[in-house]
Amino acid sequence: MLRNLHYIIIVTLCFAACKGPEARKPLQRNSGSFIKESAVRNKKIFEKEEAQITEIMEANPNVDYIASESGFWYFYNVKDTIASELPEFGDEVTFNFDVKDLNGNTIISESEIGLQVYKVDQTNQELISGLRDGIKLMKEGEQITFLFPSYKAYGYYGIEDKLGTNVPIQSTVTLKSIEQTQEN
C-alpha cells in the first residue's frame, strides 16, 4: 500500500513537471510615447534647420542651389561639363573638405582635415552621411558647397568643443581624383 502511494506521488510529480514555462507579464506598460515625442521633436528641429537653409538660399539669388534626393542642398563652385564619370560603389576617391556653420564661420579647416581617401560605400571611414552621399554626385576636379541639415551632418553628437548638437553645416568639397575598381 505504501508502495502504491509512492508510485502515485511519483507519477503526479512527473505530470506536474511536464508543464511548460509561463511567460512573465511586464511590470509596467509603455505606450510608445517616448518614440512619438522624439519624432515630433525631430520634425521641429528639421523644420527649423530647413528654414535656416532656405533663408540662406533666398539671400543668395545668384547662386543656383540644387536639392538632392538625400535631403541636402548644394551648388557648384567649379563644375566640369566634359567629364562624365561619377564615383561608383568600390571606387577610391581622393578629396578635400572643410566644415563651416551656416554663417560661413570655419569649424574645421581643410588643412586640419587634410587629404581624404575614401572607398565609395565600402570603407568604415568616419564620414558624415551627407559627405558620403554628396561625393557620389561629383566628377573629378569639381568643387561643390553642400548645405547639410544636422541629421546629414554631425547630428545629436556634434563635434567635441567645436560644434554643438543638432547644428546644420556647410561644407565645401573638392574631388581630386577617382580611381575606378576593376569591377566598374
Protein backbone atom coordinates (compact mmCIF):
# COMPACT_ATOMS: atom_id res chain seq x y z
CA MET A 1 0.00 0.00 0.00
CA LEU A 2 2.81 2.37 0.90
CA ARG A 3 4.48 1.31 -2.30
CA ASN A 4 1.39 2.29 -4.33
CA LEU A 5 1.31 5.67 -2.61
CA HIS A 6 4.93 6.28 -3.67
CA TYR A 7 4.07 5.40 -7.28
CA ILE A 8 1.10 7.76 -7.27
CA ILE A 9 3.23 10.58 -5.88
CA ILE A 10 5.99 9.96 -8.47
CA VAL A 11 3.50 9.85 -11.38
CA THR A 12 1.81 13.04 -10.14
CA LEU A 13 5.18 14.82 -9.86
CA CYS A 14 6.10 13.70 -13.39
CA PHE A 15 2.90 15.18 -14.83
CA ALA A 16 3.36 18.38 -12.87
CA ALA A 17 6.97 18.70 -14.06
CA CYS A 18 5.91 18.48 -17.72
CA LYS A 19 4.17 21.82 -17.55
CA GLY A 20 5.81 24.32 -19.94
CA PRO A 21 7.31 27.65 -18.87
CA GLU A 22 4.91 30.53 -18.46
CA ALA A 23 5.61 33.93 -19.93
CA ARG A 24 6.17 36.65 -17.38
CA LYS A 25 3.91 39.63 -17.54
CA PRO A 26 5.54 43.09 -17.79
CA LEU A 27 5.56 45.12 -14.61
CA GLN A 28 4.67 48.29 -16.47
CA ARG A 29 3.50 49.02 -19.96
CA ASN A 30 4.86 51.79 -22.16
CA SER A 31 2.63 53.17 -24.82
CA GLY A 32 5.48 54.23 -27.13
CA SER A 33 5.09 57.85 -26.08
CA PHE A 34 8.88 58.39 -25.98
CA ILE A 35 9.21 57.46 -29.64
CA LYS A 36 6.26 59.67 -30.59
CA GLU A 37 7.69 62.60 -28.63
CA SER A 38 11.10 62.04 -30.21
CA ALA A 39 9.59 62.05 -33.70
CA VAL A 40 7.75 65.30 -33.01
CA ARG A 41 10.93 66.87 -31.57
CA ASN A 42 12.99 65.78 -34.59
CA LYS A 43 10.42 67.17 -37.03
CA LYS A 44 10.58 70.54 -35.26
CA ILE A 45 14.39 70.51 -35.41
CA PHE A 46 14.32 69.68 -39.13
CA GLU A 47 11.76 72.40 -39.88
CA LYS A 48 13.89 74.97 -38.04
CA GLU A 49 17.05 73.91 -39.89
CA GLU A 50 15.25 73.83 -43.24
CA ALA A 51 14.03 77.38 -42.60
CA GLN A 52 17.63 78.49 -41.86
CA ILE A 53 18.88 76.89 -45.07
CA THR A 54 16.00 78.34 -47.10
CA GLU A 55 16.81 81.79 -45.70
CA ILE A 56 20.42 81.44 -46.87
CA MET A 57 19.31 80.33 -50.33
CA GLU A 58 16.88 83.24 -50.64
CA ALA A 59 19.61 85.68 -49.54
CA ASN A 60 21.79 84.47 -52.46
CA PRO A 61 19.54 84.55 -55.54
CA ASN A 62 22.56 84.49 -57.90
CA VAL A 63 23.55 81.02 -56.70
CA ASP A 64 21.86 78.04 -58.35
CA TYR A 65 21.05 75.73 -55.43
CA ILE A 66 20.14 72.13 -56.18
CA ALA A 67 18.09 69.95 -53.81
CA SER A 68 19.43 66.40 -53.59
CA GLU A 69 17.30 63.31 -53.22
CA SER A 70 19.20 62.59 -49.99
CA GLY A 71 17.86 65.63 -48.13
CA PHE A 72 20.52 68.32 -48.53
CA TRP A 73 21.21 71.23 -50.88
CA TYR A 74 24.31 72.11 -52.88
CA PHE A 75 25.77 74.38 -55.52
CA TYR A 76 28.78 74.16 -57.83
CA ASN A 77 31.82 76.34 -57.23
CA VAL A 78 33.67 74.56 -60.05
CA LYS A 79 31.67 72.39 -62.45
CA ASP A 80 33.13 70.02 -65.03
CA THR A 81 30.88 69.77 -68.06
CA ILE A 82 33.22 67.50 -70.02
CA ALA A 83 33.89 64.57 -67.69
CA SER A 84 31.08 62.06 -67.30
CA GLU A 85 32.44 59.67 -64.69
CA LEU A 86 30.81 59.72 -61.28
CA PRO A 87 32.18 57.63 -58.42
CA GLU A 88 30.52 54.25 -58.10
CA PHE A 89 30.49 51.51 -55.49
CA GLY A 90 34.05 50.49 -54.63
CA ASP A 91 35.82 53.36 -56.44
CA GLU A 92 38.58 55.05 -54.47
CA VAL A 93 38.19 58.82 -54.33
CA THR A 94 40.60 61.45 -53.04
CA PHE A 95 39.13 64.74 -51.83
CA ASN A 96 39.46 67.73 -49.51
CA PHE A 97 36.68 69.30 -47.48
CA ASP A 98 36.05 71.79 -44.73
CA VAL A 99 33.27 72.26 -42.19
CA LYS A 100 31.63 75.65 -41.58
CA ASP A 101 28.50 76.79 -39.84
CA LEU A 102 25.74 78.29 -41.99
CA ASN A 103 27.14 81.80 -41.41
CA GLY A 104 30.44 80.76 -43.01
CA ASN A 105 32.49 80.57 -39.81
CA THR A 106 35.12 77.84 -40.10
CA ILE A 107 34.69 75.00 -37.62
CA ILE A 108 37.30 72.66 -39.11
CA SER A 109 39.54 73.88 -41.91
CA GLU A 110 40.58 71.92 -44.96
CA SER A 111 44.18 71.93 -43.73
CA GLU A 112 43.16 70.46 -40.35
CA ILE A 113 41.31 67.61 -42.04
CA GLY A 114 43.88 67.01 -44.77
CA LEU A 115 43.55 64.97 -47.93
CA GLN A 116 40.99 62.18 -47.55
CA VAL A 117 40.94 58.83 -49.34
CA TYR A 118 37.61 57.02 -49.35
CA LYS A 119 36.30 53.83 -50.97
CA VAL A 120 32.77 54.65 -52.03
CA ASP A 121 30.23 52.78 -49.89
CA GLN A 122 32.84 50.28 -48.67
CA THR A 123 35.10 51.75 -46.05
CA ASN A 124 34.10 52.18 -42.47
CA GLN A 125 35.62 55.66 -42.51
CA GLU A 126 34.03 58.17 -40.20
CA LEU A 127 32.46 60.42 -42.81
CA ILE A 128 29.14 62.07 -42.18
CA SER A 129 26.34 60.62 -44.27
CA GLY A 130 25.94 63.88 -46.18
CA LEU A 131 29.52 63.67 -47.48
CA ARG A 132 29.14 60.00 -48.39
CA ASP A 133 26.06 60.88 -50.45
CA GLY A 134 27.49 64.14 -51.83
CA ILE A 135 30.70 62.59 -53.18
CA LYS A 136 28.62 60.34 -55.43
CA LEU A 137 27.29 63.48 -57.16
CA MET A 138 30.73 64.82 -58.06
CA LYS A 139 33.02 64.43 -61.03
CA GLU A 140 36.80 64.59 -60.84
CA GLY A 141 38.04 68.19 -60.44
CA GLU A 142 34.70 69.59 -59.29
CA GLN A 143 34.18 71.70 -56.20
CA ILE A 144 30.76 71.77 -54.56
CA THR A 145 29.45 73.52 -51.46
CA PHE A 146 26.90 71.42 -49.59
CA LEU A 147 24.34 72.67 -47.08
CA PHE A 148 23.60 69.80 -44.70
CA PRO A 149 20.84 69.69 -42.10
CA SER A 150 22.12 68.28 -38.82
CA TYR A 151 20.79 64.77 -39.43
CA LYS A 152 23.03 64.56 -42.52
CA ALA A 153 25.95 66.16 -40.65
CA TYR A 154 27.07 65.64 -37.06
CA GLY A 155 23.54 65.41 -35.62
CA TYR A 156 22.98 64.81 -31.95
CA TYR A 157 26.68 64.30 -31.15
CA GLY A 158 28.18 67.38 -32.79
CA ILE A 159 31.96 67.82 -32.68
CA GLU A 160 33.51 67.98 -29.24
CA ASP A 161 34.46 71.55 -28.28
CA LYS A 162 33.73 72.80 -31.82
CA LEU A 163 30.14 72.18 -32.88
CA GLY A 164 27.05 71.78 -30.74
CA THR A 165 24.26 69.28 -31.15
CA ASN A 166 21.75 69.48 -33.99
CA VAL A 167 23.61 72.22 -35.89
CA PRO A 168 23.30 72.38 -39.69
CA ILE A 169 26.58 72.95 -41.54
CA GLN A 170 28.01 73.82 -44.89
CA SER A 171 30.96 72.00 -46.37
CA THR A 172 32.99 72.77 -49.49
CA VAL A 173 34.33 69.59 -51.09
CA THR A 174 36.95 69.36 -53.85
CA LEU A 175 37.12 65.97 -55.57
CA LYS A 176 40.75 65.46 -56.59
CA SER A 177 40.61 62.02 -58.22
CA ILE A 178 38.50 58.95 -58.87
CA GLU A 179 40.26 55.61 -59.16
CA GLN A 180 37.87 53.07 -60.58
CA THR A 181 37.94 49.49 -59.41
CA GLN A 182 38.22 46.62 -61.83
CA GLU A 183 34.56 45.65 -61.25
CA ASN A 184 33.36 49.03 -62.59
